[in-house]
Amino acid sequence: MLARIARPRGVRGEVVADGPMESPDRLLGFPRLYLFPPGEPVKLERAWMHEGRLVLKFEGVDSRNDCERLRNAELRIPLEDRPATAEGEYYYSDLVGCRLIDRATGRDEGEVTSWQEGGGPVLLEVRREGAKEPMLVPFAQAICEEVDLAGRRIFVHLPDGLKDLEP
């Protein structure tokens, strides 16, 4: 996901969006953009920052009423259009399905099923066999020491007591 539409802005078909984009200009460089739901292709006319928020203007979306139907939609690109990541950087979606392996014991701690973004580091949701709730593991270098995407493994050094915490 590149951004999530938060709300209309003004009366000319502009929307305010939230997302991890560091540069609105970068959005304009993607050849294919889609809004989910419903999964329809869109063309981005302009993208800029205003008062710390991302503002977007899509072709054919020219009124506040047009924008209302976009509320909470996600702006996405096809996986094959994603830019390559730098060494040591990962798309969180690529971590889903990886097994967490405790480096000290060699034990398989479970499978990454999702992630949560908040005010700190991203938290990986790890489904453990027999557990009712997922274990939340900060995706930080001190804990997630090595990521092997090809082998679908993340080697971790879990802090004492982390497995015992309730989410």
Protein backbone atom coordinates (compact mmCIF):
# COMPACT_ATOMS: atom_id res chain seq x y z
CA MET A 1 0.00 0.00 0.00
CA LEU A 2 1.31 3.40 -0.95
CA ALA A 3 -1.36 5.45 0.81
CA ARG A 4 -4.83 5.27 2.34
CA ILE A 5 -7.40 7.92 1.42
CA ALA A 6 -8.46 9.68 4.62
CA ARG A 7 -11.00 12.25 3.42
CA PRO A 8 -11.91 14.77 0.73
CA ARG A 9 -10.08 18.09 0.73
CA GLY A 10 -11.92 21.10 -0.60
CA VAL A 11 -14.38 20.98 -3.48
CA ARG A 12 -12.11 20.33 -6.51
CA GLY A 13 -11.66 16.57 -6.26
CA GLU A 14 -8.62 16.49 -4.00
CA VAL A 15 -8.15 14.00 -1.18
CA VAL A 16 -5.98 13.85 1.91
CA ALA A 17 -4.12 10.56 2.25
CA ASP A 18 -1.88 8.90 4.80
CA GLY A 19 0.99 6.64 3.96
CA PRO A 20 4.67 5.90 4.24
CA MET A 21 5.63 7.87 1.12
CA GLU A 22 8.65 10.05 1.75
CA SER A 23 8.13 12.02 -1.46
CA PRO A 24 4.82 12.76 -3.20
CA ASP A 25 6.72 13.18 -6.48
CA ARG A 26 7.66 9.53 -6.30
CA LEU A 27 3.98 8.57 -6.61
CA LEU A 28 3.83 10.26 -10.00
CA GLY A 29 6.56 7.93 -11.31
CA PHE A 30 4.60 4.70 -10.90
CA PRO A 31 3.23 3.50 -14.26
CA ARG A 32 0.18 1.75 -12.79
CA LEU A 33 -1.84 2.75 -9.74
CA TYR A 34 -4.96 1.09 -8.36
CA LEU A 35 -7.50 1.94 -5.69
CA PHE A 36 -8.75 -0.90 -3.46
CA PRO A 37 -11.57 -1.42 -3.08
CA PRO A 38 -12.75 -1.88 -5.79
CA GLY A 39 -9.47 -2.57 -7.60
CA GLU A 40 -9.87 -0.01 -10.35
CA PRO A 41 -6.94 1.64 -12.13
CA VAL A 42 -6.50 5.36 -11.52
CA LYS A 43 -4.36 8.10 -13.00
CA LEU A 44 -2.75 10.52 -10.59
CA GLU A 45 -2.70 14.12 -11.84
CA ARG A 46 -0.89 15.72 -8.91
CA ALA A 47 0.55 14.82 -5.52
CA TRP A 48 1.92 17.23 -2.91
CA MET A 49 2.34 17.77 0.81
CA HIS A 50 0.19 20.29 2.68
CA GLU A 51 0.56 20.86 6.42
CA GLY A 52 2.34 17.55 6.82
CA ARG A 53 -0.29 15.50 4.97
CA LEU A 54 -0.28 13.98 1.51
CA VAL A 55 -2.76 15.52 -0.94
CA LEU A 56 -3.73 13.70 -4.14
CA LYS A 57 -5.69 14.66 -7.24
CA PHE A 58 -6.89 11.84 -9.51
CA GLU A 59 -7.99 12.21 -13.13
CA GLY A 60 -11.80 12.14 -13.39
CA VAL A 61 -12.31 12.87 -9.70
CA ASP A 62 -13.45 16.47 -9.82
CA SER A 63 -15.83 17.08 -6.93
CA ARG A 64 -16.17 16.50 -3.23
CA ASN A 65 -18.89 13.93 -3.96
CA ASP A 66 -16.50 12.02 -6.25
CA CYS A 67 -13.98 11.97 -3.39
CA GLU A 68 -16.41 10.59 -0.82
CA ARG A 69 -16.48 7.22 -2.60
CA LEU A 70 -12.69 7.02 -2.22
CA ARG A 71 -12.69 7.39 1.57
CA ASN A 72 -10.61 4.60 3.20
CA ALA A 73 -9.53 3.20 -0.19
CA GLU A 74 -5.91 2.11 -0.49
CA LEU A 75 -3.64 3.32 -3.28
CA ARG A 76 -1.56 0.36 -4.47
CA ILE A 77 0.77 -0.73 -7.24
CA PRO A 78 1.27 -4.23 -8.70
CA LEU A 79 4.01 -6.22 -6.96
CA GLU A 80 6.12 -6.28 -10.11
CA ASP A 81 6.16 -2.44 -10.21
CA ARG A 82 7.63 -2.08 -6.72
CA PRO A 83 11.05 -0.47 -6.67
CA ALA A 84 13.92 -2.64 -5.54
CA THR A 85 14.81 -2.25 -1.88
CA ALA A 86 18.24 -1.31 -0.62
CA GLU A 87 20.38 -3.89 1.16
CA GLY A 88 18.86 -4.65 4.55
CA GLU A 89 15.48 -3.09 3.69
CA TYR A 90 12.31 -5.12 3.10
CA TYR A 91 8.70 -4.73 2.15
CA TYR A 92 6.69 -5.82 5.17
CA SER A 93 4.37 -7.79 2.90
CA ASP A 94 7.37 -9.90 1.83
CA LEU A 95 7.92 -10.93 5.47
CA VAL A 96 4.46 -12.51 5.71
CA GLY A 97 4.86 -16.27 5.54
CA CYS A 98 8.42 -16.24 6.91
CA ARG A 99 9.21 -18.48 9.87
CA LEU A 100 10.83 -16.91 12.95
CA ILE A 101 13.83 -18.97 14.01
CA ASP A 102 15.38 -18.34 17.43
CA ARG A 103 19.08 -18.01 16.72
CA ALA A 104 20.13 -19.25 20.19
CA THR A 105 18.02 -22.43 20.24
CA GLY A 106 17.27 -23.06 16.58
CA ARG A 107 13.61 -23.33 17.55
CA ASP A 108 10.88 -22.36 15.10
CA GLU A 109 8.84 -19.73 16.97
CA GLY A 110 6.04 -19.43 14.42
CA GLU A 111 5.00 -17.79 11.17
CA VAL A 112 4.68 -14.10 10.38
CA THR A 113 1.02 -13.58 9.45
CA SER A 114 0.79 -9.78 9.40
CA TRP A 115 2.29 -6.61 10.82
CA GLN A 116 1.19 -3.54 12.77
CA GLU A 117 2.43 -0.02 12.34
CA GLY A 118 2.27 2.38 15.26
CA GLY A 119 4.49 5.01 16.78
CA GLY A 120 7.58 2.83 17.11
CA PRO A 121 9.08 -0.02 15.15
CA VAL A 122 6.77 -2.18 13.06
CA LEU A 123 5.47 -5.16 15.02
CA LEU A 124 5.42 -8.52 13.28
CA GLU A 125 2.42 -10.66 14.18
CA VAL A 126 3.69 -14.20 14.64
CA ARG A 127 1.22 -17.08 14.84
CA ARG A 128 2.53 -19.73 17.24
CA GLU A 129 1.29 -23.29 17.33
CA GLY A 130 -1.29 -23.71 20.09
CA ALA A 131 -1.42 -19.99 20.95
CA LYS A 132 -4.72 -18.13 20.84
CA GLU A 133 -3.16 -14.76 20.08
CA PRO A 134 -0.17 -13.85 17.90
CA MET A 135 3.15 -12.93 19.45
CA LEU A 136 4.14 -9.36 18.58
CA VAL A 137 7.82 -9.05 17.68
CA PRO A 138 9.40 -5.65 17.00
CA PHE A 139 11.03 -5.63 13.56
CA ALA A 140 14.25 -4.10 14.86
CA GLN A 141 17.84 -5.07 14.02
CA ALA A 142 18.57 -5.93 17.67
CA ILE A 143 15.82 -8.60 17.57
CA CYS A 144 15.44 -9.58 13.90
CA GLU A 145 19.10 -10.15 13.20
CA GLU A 146 18.92 -11.75 9.75
CA VAL A 147 16.23 -11.96 7.09
CA ASP A 148 16.46 -14.77 4.54
CA LEU A 149 13.62 -14.05 2.11
CA ALA A 150 14.64 -16.84 -0.27
CA GLY A 151 14.50 -19.36 2.58
CA ARG A 152 11.40 -17.66 4.10
CA ARG A 153 13.14 -17.32 7.50
CA ILE A 154 13.87 -14.54 9.95
CA PHE A 155 16.55 -15.32 12.51
CA VAL A 156 15.78 -13.63 15.81
CA HIS A 157 17.20 -12.99 19.24
CA LEU A 158 14.05 -12.70 21.34
CA PRO A 159 14.37 -10.65 24.54
CA ASP A 160 13.60 -12.51 27.77
CA GLY A 161 9.88 -12.56 28.48
CA LEU A 162 8.73 -11.46 25.01
CA LYS A 163 7.02 -14.79 24.37
CA ASP A 164 5.08 -14.41 27.63
CA LEU A 165 3.59 -10.98 26.87
CA GLU A 166 -0.09 -10.72 26.02
CA PRO A 167 -0.80 -8.69 22.87
